[in-house]
Amino acid sequence: MTEWVVPATFALFVSILAVASGPLVGAVDVTQEGPPVGDGSTAVTVGSVPTEQVTLERGRFGSGRYHLDAPPAVLTVDRVAGNPAVRYTIDIPSLWITATSRYELAGTEGTRMGLRPKPIGISPQRINRGSYDAVLTIWIREGDRERQITVKQITIEVQQ
């Protein structure tokens, strides 16, 4: 009877190891990465940026938190080399809040893009005005430098 216990135990151990490591081995991604974000160059034309209709809207599902809402900023991307990046920010200095979104541009040659601010939530206790001054900025990162391509002073209206 002991003749088969050792081989059976070994077979059971190997089976458990194979099952346990199977998903782990399959989860390893061996694909090559593309160029680093911001490494490259591009020509960007800004079509429009939201200067009106940018609002802080109160949530509808009981939290009472305010959320930044804005129409998209529109730009056209041409002559993309590598993987330059766009950074889109709406800064509300009096609330100490900046909504930032980043977009990689590799493979976007000739594309018209709509940029939106990153979703943020603001506690209702922080909102004490009907409107806030803000700065909307679009930046391009090419290699080791970043440059502003658009800066606009905007007013953000508070919606109840």
N, C-alpha and C. Protein backbone atom coordinates (compact mmCIF):
# COMPACT_ATOMS: atom_id res chain seq x y z
N MET A 1 0.80 -1.18 0.00
CA MET A 1 0.00 0.00 0.00
C MET A 1 0.85 1.26 0.00
N THR A 2 2.01 1.27 0.64
CA THR A 2 2.86 2.44 0.67
C THR A 2 3.58 2.67 -0.65
N GLU A 3 3.56 1.66 -1.52
CA GLU A 3 4.24 1.81 -2.81
C GLU A 3 3.56 2.89 -3.66
N TRP A 4 2.30 3.06 -3.56
CA TRP A 4 1.61 4.03 -4.40
C TRP A 4 1.39 5.36 -3.68
N VAL A 5 1.60 5.45 -2.36
CA VAL A 5 1.35 6.69 -1.62
C VAL A 5 2.32 7.80 -2.05
N VAL A 6 3.61 7.48 -2.16
CA VAL A 6 4.59 8.50 -2.55
C VAL A 6 4.34 9.00 -3.96
N PRO A 7 4.18 8.13 -4.96
CA PRO A 7 3.90 8.64 -6.31
C PRO A 7 2.57 9.40 -6.38
N ALA A 8 1.56 8.95 -5.65
CA ALA A 8 0.26 9.64 -5.67
C ALA A 8 0.37 11.01 -5.02
N THR A 9 1.10 11.12 -3.91
CA THR A 9 1.31 12.39 -3.24
C THR A 9 2.06 13.36 -4.15
N PHE A 10 3.10 12.84 -4.82
CA PHE A 10 3.88 13.66 -5.75
C PHE A 10 3.00 14.15 -6.90
N ALA A 11 2.18 13.27 -7.45
CA ALA A 11 1.29 13.63 -8.56
C ALA A 11 0.28 14.68 -8.11
N LEU A 12 -0.26 14.53 -6.90
CA LEU A 12 -1.19 15.50 -6.36
C LEU A 12 -0.51 16.87 -6.19
N PHE A 13 0.71 16.87 -5.68
CA PHE A 13 1.48 18.11 -5.51
C PHE A 13 1.72 18.80 -6.84
N VAL A 14 2.11 18.05 -7.86
CA VAL A 14 2.36 18.61 -9.19
C VAL A 14 1.06 19.17 -9.78
N SER A 15 -0.05 18.46 -9.59
CA SER A 15 -1.34 18.93 -10.11
C SER A 15 -1.75 20.24 -9.45
N ILE A 16 -1.61 20.34 -8.13
CA ILE A 16 -1.97 21.56 -7.42
C ILE A 16 -1.08 22.71 -7.86
N LEU A 17 0.21 22.44 -8.01
CA LEU A 17 1.14 23.48 -8.46
C LEU A 17 0.79 23.95 -9.86
N ALA A 18 0.44 23.04 -10.74
CA ALA A 18 0.09 23.42 -12.12
C ALA A 18 -1.17 24.26 -12.16
N VAL A 19 -2.18 23.90 -11.38
CA VAL A 19 -3.42 24.66 -11.35
C VAL A 19 -3.19 26.05 -10.76
N ALA A 20 -2.42 26.10 -9.67
CA ALA A 20 -2.16 27.38 -9.01
C ALA A 20 -1.32 28.32 -9.86
N SER A 21 -0.33 27.78 -10.55
CA SER A 21 0.55 28.66 -11.32
C SER A 21 0.02 28.96 -12.71
N GLY A 22 -0.94 28.20 -13.19
CA GLY A 22 -1.49 28.42 -14.53
C GLY A 22 -1.97 29.84 -14.74
N PRO A 23 -2.88 30.35 -13.90
CA PRO A 23 -3.34 31.73 -14.08
C PRO A 23 -2.23 32.75 -13.89
N LEU A 24 -1.26 32.46 -13.03
CA LEU A 24 -0.17 33.41 -12.82
C LEU A 24 0.71 33.50 -14.04
N VAL A 25 1.01 32.37 -14.64
CA VAL A 25 1.87 32.38 -15.82
C VAL A 25 1.15 33.06 -16.97
N GLY A 26 -0.15 32.82 -17.11
CA GLY A 26 -0.92 33.43 -18.19
C GLY A 26 -1.09 34.92 -18.01
N ALA A 27 -0.93 35.45 -16.80
CA ALA A 27 -1.13 36.86 -16.54
C ALA A 27 0.10 37.71 -16.87
N VAL A 28 1.21 37.10 -17.15
CA VAL A 28 2.42 37.84 -17.45
C VAL A 28 2.34 38.37 -18.88
N ASP A 29 2.51 39.65 -19.03
CA ASP A 29 2.44 40.29 -20.34
C ASP A 29 3.86 40.47 -20.86
N VAL A 30 4.17 39.80 -21.96
CA VAL A 30 5.53 39.88 -22.49
C VAL A 30 5.58 40.75 -23.76
N THR A 31 4.52 41.50 -24.03
CA THR A 31 4.54 42.37 -25.20
C THR A 31 5.47 43.54 -24.95
N GLN A 32 6.00 44.07 -26.02
CA GLN A 32 6.89 45.22 -25.89
C GLN A 32 6.07 46.48 -25.70
N GLU A 33 6.58 47.38 -24.89
CA GLU A 33 5.92 48.65 -24.66
C GLU A 33 6.21 49.59 -25.82
N GLY A 34 5.30 50.55 -26.01
CA GLY A 34 5.52 51.58 -27.01
C GLY A 34 6.48 52.63 -26.48
N PRO A 35 6.65 53.70 -27.23
CA PRO A 35 7.53 54.76 -26.77
C PRO A 35 7.01 55.36 -25.47
N PRO A 36 7.91 55.86 -24.63
CA PRO A 36 7.47 56.47 -23.37
C PRO A 36 6.53 57.64 -23.62
N VAL A 37 5.61 57.85 -22.69
CA VAL A 37 4.66 58.96 -22.81
C VAL A 37 5.42 60.27 -22.81
N GLY A 38 5.09 61.12 -23.77
CA GLY A 38 5.73 62.42 -23.87
C GLY A 38 6.96 62.42 -24.76
N ASP A 39 7.40 61.25 -25.19
CA ASP A 39 8.59 61.15 -26.04
C ASP A 39 8.16 61.24 -27.50
N GLY A 40 8.38 62.37 -28.13
CA GLY A 40 8.00 62.55 -29.52
C GLY A 40 7.66 63.99 -29.81
N SER A 41 6.97 64.20 -30.94
CA SER A 41 6.58 65.55 -31.33
C SER A 41 5.27 65.49 -32.10
N THR A 42 4.62 66.63 -32.20
CA THR A 42 3.35 66.72 -32.91
C THR A 42 3.03 68.17 -33.26
N ALA A 43 2.07 68.33 -34.13
CA ALA A 43 1.49 69.64 -34.43
C ALA A 43 0.03 69.57 -34.01
N VAL A 44 -0.38 70.44 -33.11
CA VAL A 44 -1.73 70.44 -32.58
C VAL A 44 -2.39 71.77 -32.89
N THR A 45 -3.63 71.70 -33.38
CA THR A 45 -4.43 72.89 -33.63
C THR A 45 -5.63 72.84 -32.70
N VAL A 46 -5.78 73.88 -31.89
CA VAL A 46 -6.92 73.94 -30.97
C VAL A 46 -8.10 74.54 -31.72
N GLY A 47 -9.19 73.76 -31.81
CA GLY A 47 -10.39 74.22 -32.49
C GLY A 47 -11.27 75.06 -31.58
N SER A 48 -11.49 74.57 -30.36
CA SER A 48 -12.33 75.32 -29.42
C SER A 48 -12.05 74.85 -28.00
N VAL A 49 -12.28 75.75 -27.07
CA VAL A 49 -12.22 75.41 -25.64
C VAL A 49 -13.48 75.96 -24.99
N PRO A 50 -13.98 75.27 -23.97
CA PRO A 50 -15.20 75.76 -23.33
C PRO A 50 -14.91 76.99 -22.48
N THR A 51 -15.49 78.12 -22.86
CA THR A 51 -15.35 79.33 -22.07
C THR A 51 -16.65 79.65 -21.34
N GLU A 52 -17.72 79.00 -21.76
CA GLU A 52 -19.02 79.13 -21.11
C GLU A 52 -19.55 77.71 -20.88
N GLN A 53 -20.59 77.61 -20.12
CA GLN A 53 -21.24 76.32 -19.84
C GLN A 53 -20.35 75.37 -19.04
N VAL A 54 -19.35 75.90 -18.34
CA VAL A 54 -18.55 75.09 -17.42
C VAL A 54 -19.20 75.26 -16.06
N THR A 55 -19.61 74.15 -15.46
CA THR A 55 -20.40 74.24 -14.24
C THR A 55 -19.91 73.27 -13.17
N LEU A 56 -20.29 73.59 -11.94
CA LEU A 56 -20.22 72.65 -10.84
C LEU A 56 -21.66 72.25 -10.57
N GLU A 57 -21.98 70.99 -10.84
CA GLU A 57 -23.35 70.50 -10.68
C GLU A 57 -23.45 69.61 -9.46
N ARG A 58 -24.51 69.80 -8.72
CA ARG A 58 -24.74 69.00 -7.52
C ARG A 58 -25.19 67.60 -7.92
N GLY A 59 -24.61 66.59 -7.27
CA GLY A 59 -24.97 65.21 -7.55
C GLY A 59 -26.43 64.93 -7.26
N ARG A 60 -26.98 63.97 -7.97
CA ARG A 60 -28.41 63.68 -7.88
C ARG A 60 -28.73 62.48 -7.01
N PHE A 61 -27.76 61.77 -6.51
CA PHE A 61 -28.04 60.51 -5.84
C PHE A 61 -27.78 60.58 -4.34
N GLY A 62 -28.02 61.72 -3.74
CA GLY A 62 -27.98 61.81 -2.30
C GLY A 62 -26.65 62.20 -1.67
N SER A 63 -25.57 62.16 -2.41
CA SER A 63 -24.28 62.50 -1.80
C SER A 63 -24.14 64.00 -1.60
N GLY A 64 -24.78 64.78 -2.48
CA GLY A 64 -24.70 66.22 -2.38
C GLY A 64 -23.39 66.79 -2.92
N ARG A 65 -22.46 65.93 -3.34
CA ARG A 65 -21.18 66.40 -3.86
C ARG A 65 -21.38 67.11 -5.20
N TYR A 66 -20.53 68.08 -5.45
CA TYR A 66 -20.55 68.79 -6.72
C TYR A 66 -19.56 68.14 -7.68
N HIS A 67 -19.90 68.17 -8.96
CA HIS A 67 -19.06 67.58 -10.00
C HIS A 67 -18.82 68.60 -11.10
N LEU A 68 -17.59 68.66 -11.57
CA LEU A 68 -17.22 69.57 -12.65
C LEU A 68 -17.77 69.04 -13.97
N ASP A 69 -18.46 69.88 -14.71
CA ASP A 69 -19.00 69.50 -16.01
C ASP A 69 -18.61 70.57 -17.01
N ALA A 70 -18.11 70.13 -18.15
CA ALA A 70 -17.68 71.08 -19.18
C ALA A 70 -17.83 70.45 -20.56
N PRO A 71 -18.22 71.25 -21.55
CA PRO A 71 -18.18 70.74 -22.93
C PRO A 71 -16.73 70.40 -23.27
N PRO A 72 -16.51 69.54 -24.24
CA PRO A 72 -15.13 69.17 -24.56
C PRO A 72 -14.35 70.31 -25.22
N ALA A 73 -13.06 70.34 -24.92
CA ALA A 73 -12.14 71.17 -25.70
C ALA A 73 -11.80 70.34 -26.93
N VAL A 74 -11.77 70.95 -28.09
CA VAL A 74 -11.56 70.21 -29.33
C VAL A 74 -10.24 70.62 -29.95
N LEU A 75 -9.45 69.61 -30.32
CA LEU A 75 -8.19 69.89 -31.02
C LEU A 75 -7.96 68.85 -32.10
N THR A 76 -7.13 69.23 -33.07
CA THR A 76 -6.76 68.34 -34.17
C THR A 76 -5.27 68.04 -34.05
N VAL A 77 -4.93 66.77 -34.19
CA VAL A 77 -3.56 66.31 -34.03
C VAL A 77 -3.00 65.92 -35.40
N ASP A 78 -1.83 66.46 -35.76
CA ASP A 78 -1.16 66.13 -37.02
C ASP A 78 0.32 65.90 -36.77
N ARG A 79 0.97 65.28 -37.73
CA ARG A 79 2.43 65.04 -37.73
C ARG A 79 2.92 64.46 -36.40
N VAL A 80 2.34 63.35 -36.00
CA VAL A 80 2.73 62.71 -34.75
C VAL A 80 3.94 61.83 -34.98
N ALA A 81 4.97 62.03 -34.18
CA ALA A 81 6.16 61.18 -34.18
C ALA A 81 6.38 60.74 -32.74
N GLY A 82 6.50 59.44 -32.52
CA GLY A 82 6.67 58.94 -31.16
C GLY A 82 5.37 58.95 -30.40
N ASN A 83 5.42 59.35 -29.14
CA ASN A 83 4.23 59.37 -28.29
C ASN A 83 4.17 60.65 -27.46
N PRO A 84 3.99 61.81 -28.13
CA PRO A 84 3.82 63.03 -27.34
C PRO A 84 2.51 62.94 -26.56
N ALA A 85 2.30 63.85 -25.64
CA ALA A 85 1.11 63.80 -24.80
C ALA A 85 0.50 65.19 -24.66
N VAL A 86 -0.80 65.21 -24.40
CA VAL A 86 -1.54 66.43 -24.13
C VAL A 86 -2.02 66.36 -22.68
N ARG A 87 -1.89 67.47 -21.98
CA ARG A 87 -2.42 67.58 -20.62
C ARG A 87 -3.43 68.71 -20.63
N TYR A 88 -4.62 68.41 -20.13
CA TYR A 88 -5.73 69.36 -20.12
C TYR A 88 -6.09 69.62 -18.66
N THR A 89 -6.07 70.88 -18.25
CA THR A 89 -6.36 71.20 -16.84
C THR A 89 -7.40 72.30 -16.73
N ILE A 90 -8.22 72.17 -15.70
CA ILE A 90 -9.08 73.26 -15.26
C ILE A 90 -8.74 73.47 -13.79
N ASP A 91 -8.19 74.64 -13.50
CA ASP A 91 -7.71 74.97 -12.15
C ASP A 91 -8.67 75.97 -11.52
N ILE A 92 -9.15 75.64 -10.32
CA ILE A 92 -10.03 76.54 -9.56
C ILE A 92 -9.25 76.95 -8.31
N PRO A 93 -8.47 78.04 -8.40
CA PRO A 93 -7.57 78.40 -7.30
C PRO A 93 -8.25 78.62 -5.95
N SER A 94 -9.42 79.26 -5.93
CA SER A 94 -10.05 79.55 -4.64
C SER A 94 -10.55 78.29 -3.93
N LEU A 95 -10.71 77.18 -4.66
CA LEU A 95 -11.09 75.91 -4.05
C LEU A 95 -9.89 74.97 -3.89
N TRP A 96 -8.74 75.39 -4.36
CA TRP A 96 -7.51 74.57 -4.33
C TRP A 96 -7.73 73.25 -5.04
N ILE A 97 -8.35 73.32 -6.22
CA ILE A 97 -8.68 72.11 -6.98
C ILE A 97 -8.21 72.28 -8.42
N THR A 98 -7.59 71.23 -8.95
CA THR A 98 -7.24 71.18 -10.36
C THR A 98 -7.69 69.84 -10.92
N ALA A 99 -8.51 69.89 -11.95
CA ALA A 99 -8.93 68.68 -12.67
C ALA A 99 -7.98 68.53 -13.85
N THR A 100 -7.27 67.40 -13.92
CA THR A 100 -6.26 67.18 -14.95
C THR A 100 -6.55 65.88 -15.69
N SER A 101 -6.51 65.94 -17.02
CA SER A 101 -6.62 64.74 -17.85
C SER A 101 -5.41 64.70 -18.77
N ARG A 102 -4.89 63.49 -18.99
CA ARG A 102 -3.75 63.31 -19.89
C ARG A 102 -4.14 62.39 -21.03
N TYR A 103 -3.65 62.71 -22.21
CA TYR A 103 -3.95 61.93 -23.40
C TYR A 103 -2.65 61.63 -24.14
N GLU A 104 -2.40 60.36 -24.41
CA GLU A 104 -1.26 59.98 -25.24
C GLU A 104 -1.65 60.15 -26.69
N LEU A 105 -0.71 60.58 -27.54
CA LEU A 105 -1.05 60.90 -28.92
C LEU A 105 -0.51 59.92 -29.95
N ALA A 106 0.20 58.87 -29.53
CA ALA A 106 0.69 57.88 -30.49
C ALA A 106 -0.50 57.29 -31.24
N GLY A 107 -0.42 57.25 -32.56
CA GLY A 107 -1.47 56.67 -33.38
C GLY A 107 -2.68 57.56 -33.59
N THR A 108 -2.58 58.85 -33.29
CA THR A 108 -3.73 59.75 -33.44
C THR A 108 -3.56 60.72 -34.60
N GLU A 109 -2.65 60.44 -35.50
CA GLU A 109 -2.39 61.30 -36.67
C GLU A 109 -3.69 61.66 -37.39
N GLY A 110 -3.93 62.95 -37.60
CA GLY A 110 -5.11 63.41 -38.32
C GLY A 110 -6.41 63.27 -37.55
N THR A 111 -6.32 63.09 -36.26
CA THR A 111 -7.51 62.87 -35.44
C THR A 111 -8.01 64.18 -34.83
N ARG A 112 -9.31 64.29 -34.77
CA ARG A 112 -9.95 65.39 -34.05
C ARG A 112 -10.34 64.82 -32.69
N MET A 113 -9.83 65.41 -31.62
CA MET A 113 -10.04 64.89 -30.27
C MET A 113 -10.88 65.83 -29.43
N GLY A 114 -11.70 65.24 -28.58
CA GLY A 114 -12.46 66.01 -27.60
C GLY A 114 -11.86 65.74 -26.23
N LEU A 115 -11.35 66.77 -25.58
CA LEU A 115 -10.74 66.63 -24.26
C LEU A 115 -11.74 67.00 -23.18
N ARG A 116 -11.80 66.21 -22.15
CA ARG A 116 -12.70 66.49 -21.03
C ARG A 116 -11.89 66.50 -19.74
N PRO A 117 -12.31 67.32 -18.77
CA PRO A 117 -11.59 67.31 -17.49
C PRO A 117 -11.84 66.00 -16.75
N LYS A 118 -10.87 65.59 -15.98
CA LYS A 118 -11.01 64.39 -15.16
C LYS A 118 -12.17 64.61 -14.18
N PRO A 119 -13.01 63.59 -13.98
CA PRO A 119 -14.10 63.74 -13.02
C PRO A 119 -13.57 63.99 -11.60
N ILE A 120 -14.11 64.99 -10.96
CA ILE A 120 -13.75 65.27 -9.57
C ILE A 120 -15.03 65.51 -8.79
N GLY A 121 -14.99 65.22 -7.52
CA GLY A 121 -16.11 65.51 -6.64
C GLY A 121 -15.67 66.50 -5.58
N ILE A 122 -16.54 67.45 -5.27
CA ILE A 122 -16.23 68.49 -4.30
C ILE A 122 -17.30 68.46 -3.21
N SER A 123 -16.86 68.45 -2.00
CA SER A 123 -17.78 68.44 -0.85
C SER A 123 -18.66 69.68 -0.89
N PRO A 124 -19.96 69.52 -0.61
CA PRO A 124 -20.85 70.69 -0.63
C PRO A 124 -20.48 71.75 0.42
N GLN A 125 -19.78 71.36 1.48
CA GLN A 125 -19.37 72.33 2.49
C GLN A 125 -18.34 73.32 1.95
N ARG A 126 -17.65 72.96 0.87
CA ARG A 126 -16.63 73.85 0.30
C ARG A 126 -17.23 74.87 -0.66
N ILE A 127 -18.43 74.63 -1.15
CA ILE A 127 -19.05 75.52 -2.12
C ILE A 127 -19.83 76.60 -1.38
N ASN A 128 -19.37 77.85 -1.53
CA ASN A 128 -20.03 78.95 -0.82
C ASN A 128 -20.27 80.17 -1.72
N ARG A 129 -20.19 79.97 -3.03
CA ARG A 129 -20.42 81.05 -4.00
C ARG A 129 -21.30 80.54 -5.13
N GLY A 130 -21.77 81.47 -5.93
CA GLY A 130 -22.55 81.12 -7.11
C GLY A 130 -21.69 80.88 -8.33
N SER A 131 -20.42 81.35 -8.28
CA SER A 131 -19.51 81.13 -9.40
C SER A 131 -18.06 81.22 -8.90
N TYR A 132 -17.16 80.65 -9.69
CA TYR A 132 -15.73 80.64 -9.35
C TYR A 132 -14.92 80.96 -10.59
N ASP A 133 -13.87 81.78 -10.40
CA ASP A 133 -12.92 82.03 -11.48
C ASP A 133 -12.01 80.81 -11.61
N ALA A 134 -11.66 80.47 -12.85
CA ALA A 134 -10.82 79.30 -13.11
C ALA A 134 -9.92 79.58 -14.29
N VAL A 135 -8.93 78.71 -14.46
CA VAL A 135 -7.99 78.80 -15.58
C VAL A 135 -8.00 77.47 -16.31
N LEU A 136 -8.30 77.51 -17.59
CA LEU A 136 -8.27 76.33 -18.45
C LEU A 136 -6.97 76.37 -19.25
N THR A 137 -6.20 75.28 -19.20
CA THR A 137 -4.91 75.24 -19.89
C THR A 137 -4.76 73.92 -20.63
N ILE A 138 -4.21 73.99 -21.83
CA ILE A 138 -3.84 72.79 -22.59
C ILE A 138 -2.34 72.85 -22.81
N TRP A 139 -1.66 71.76 -22.46
CA TRP A 139 -0.21 71.65 -22.56
C TRP A 139 0.14 70.51 -23.52
N ILE A 140 1.26 70.64 -24.20
CA ILE A 140 1.82 69.56 -25.02
C ILE A 140 3.15 69.16 -24.40
N ARG A 141 3.35 67.86 -24.20
CA ARG A 141 4.63 67.34 -23.72
C ARG A 141 5.33 66.67 -24.89
N GLU A 142 6.51 67.21 -25.22
CA GLU A 142 7.35 66.68 -26.30
C GLU A 142 8.75 66.50 -25.74
N GLY A 143 9.16 65.25 -25.60
CA GLY A 143 10.48 64.99 -25.02
C GLY A 143 10.53 65.44 -23.58
N ASP A 144 11.53 66.22 -23.23
CA ASP A 144 11.70 66.64 -21.84
C ASP A 144 11.13 68.03 -21.57
N ARG A 145 10.33 68.56 -22.50
CA ARG A 145 9.75 69.87 -22.26
C ARG A 145 8.24 69.83 -22.46
N GLU A 146 7.58 70.74 -21.74
CA GLU A 146 6.14 70.88 -21.84
C GLU A 146 5.85 72.34 -22.15
N ARG A 147 4.94 72.57 -23.08
CA ARG A 147 4.62 73.94 -23.44
C ARG A 147 3.11 74.14 -23.46
N GLN A 148 2.70 75.34 -23.04
CA GLN A 148 1.28 75.69 -23.07
C GLN A 148 0.91 76.03 -24.50
N ILE A 149 -0.24 75.51 -24.93
CA ILE A 149 -0.72 75.92 -26.24
C ILE A 149 -2.00 76.74 -26.14
N THR A 150 -2.68 76.67 -24.99
CA THR A 150 -3.87 77.47 -24.76
C THR A 150 -4.01 77.76 -23.27
N VAL A 151 -4.30 79.01 -22.95
CA VAL A 151 -4.62 79.40 -21.57
C VAL A 151 -5.81 80.35 -21.65
N LYS A 152 -6.89 80.01 -20.94
CA LYS A 152 -8.09 80.85 -20.93
C LYS A 152 -8.59 81.05 -19.50
N GLN A 153 -8.96 82.27 -19.19
CA GLN A 153 -9.64 82.57 -17.93
C GLN A 153 -11.12 82.27 -18.16
N ILE A 154 -11.71 81.46 -17.29
CA ILE A 154 -13.12 81.12 -17.43
C ILE A 154 -13.83 81.33 -16.10
N THR A 155 -15.15 81.34 -16.16
CA THR A 155 -15.97 81.40 -14.96
C THR A 155 -16.77 80.12 -14.88
N ILE A 156 -16.75 79.49 -13.72
CA ILE A 156 -17.50 78.25 -13.50
C ILE A 156 -18.74 78.59 -12.67
N GLU A 157 -19.90 78.30 -13.22
CA GLU A 157 -21.16 78.58 -12.55
C GLU A 157 -21.55 77.38 -11.67
N VAL A 158 -22.09 77.66 -10.50
CA VAL A 158 -22.55 76.61 -9.60
C VAL A 158 -24.03 76.35 -9.87
N GLN A 159 -24.35 75.10 -10.15
CA GLN A 159 -25.73 74.66 -10.39
C GLN A 159 -26.22 73.88 -9.19
N GLN A 160 -27.39 74.19 -8.70
CA GLN A 160 -27.95 73.47 -7.55
C GLN A 160 -28.70 72.24 -7.95
